[in-house]
Amino acid sequence: MKNIIYSCQFTDASGYASAARKYLYMLDKFLDKEKYNLRIYNSSYEGRINCSEEDLQLLKKYELKNEDVESFINTNQYDVIFHLLPWDAFLLQDKKYLNKKIYNNGNKKISIFYWEADRIPEVWRQIFSVNKYDKVIAGCEWNKLIFSKDINIPVEIIPIPFKEKNIVKKKNQTFNIKK
């Protein structure tokens, strides 16, 4: 069985957290649980929980608590997905020290992040030149184009999923737009 740790600020109100919860719903629904042992590490920035009770139940199903990280990483081989701003696994060690430990002990390392400008910041380029990631996951073609210009790591597109219950289907919906 392959172990995977997925690290993000799952309980925050941020766009990263919202996207990560949506990816987690898809993983919960489609991941072959006979082949993969998925664990999540919540790197929350916020002091309170900003997600639904339904989200919390799913997070608890996969949660790797702070007190269990050391034991897990010392007794298991695993791959790691960091769905965070690129520096969070490295530069904020005093606040996010468990991400650094998770990174250091992981086998395959994947980064998921987003960027809306035409270049990623220099400090991020430096992080990717020094730290070894096996892959970057981009949410769209634009991000793949930008990331491919600035970092020398394979970039794959996996669009941010949505939960079916959030889709509202209306028959014969029209929009009154004045000319």
Foldseek 3Di string as FASTA:
>chain_A
DAEEEEEDQCQDPDPLNVLVLQVLVVCVVDPDVVVYQYAYERLHPDPDGRDDPVSVVSNVVRYQDPVRLVVDLVPDAHEYEYSDPLCLLPDPCVSNVSSVVCLVSYDAYEYEYEDDDQEDDPVSLVSQVVRDHQEYEYQDPSRQNRCVVRHDHHYHYDHRDDDPVPDDDDPPDDDDDDD
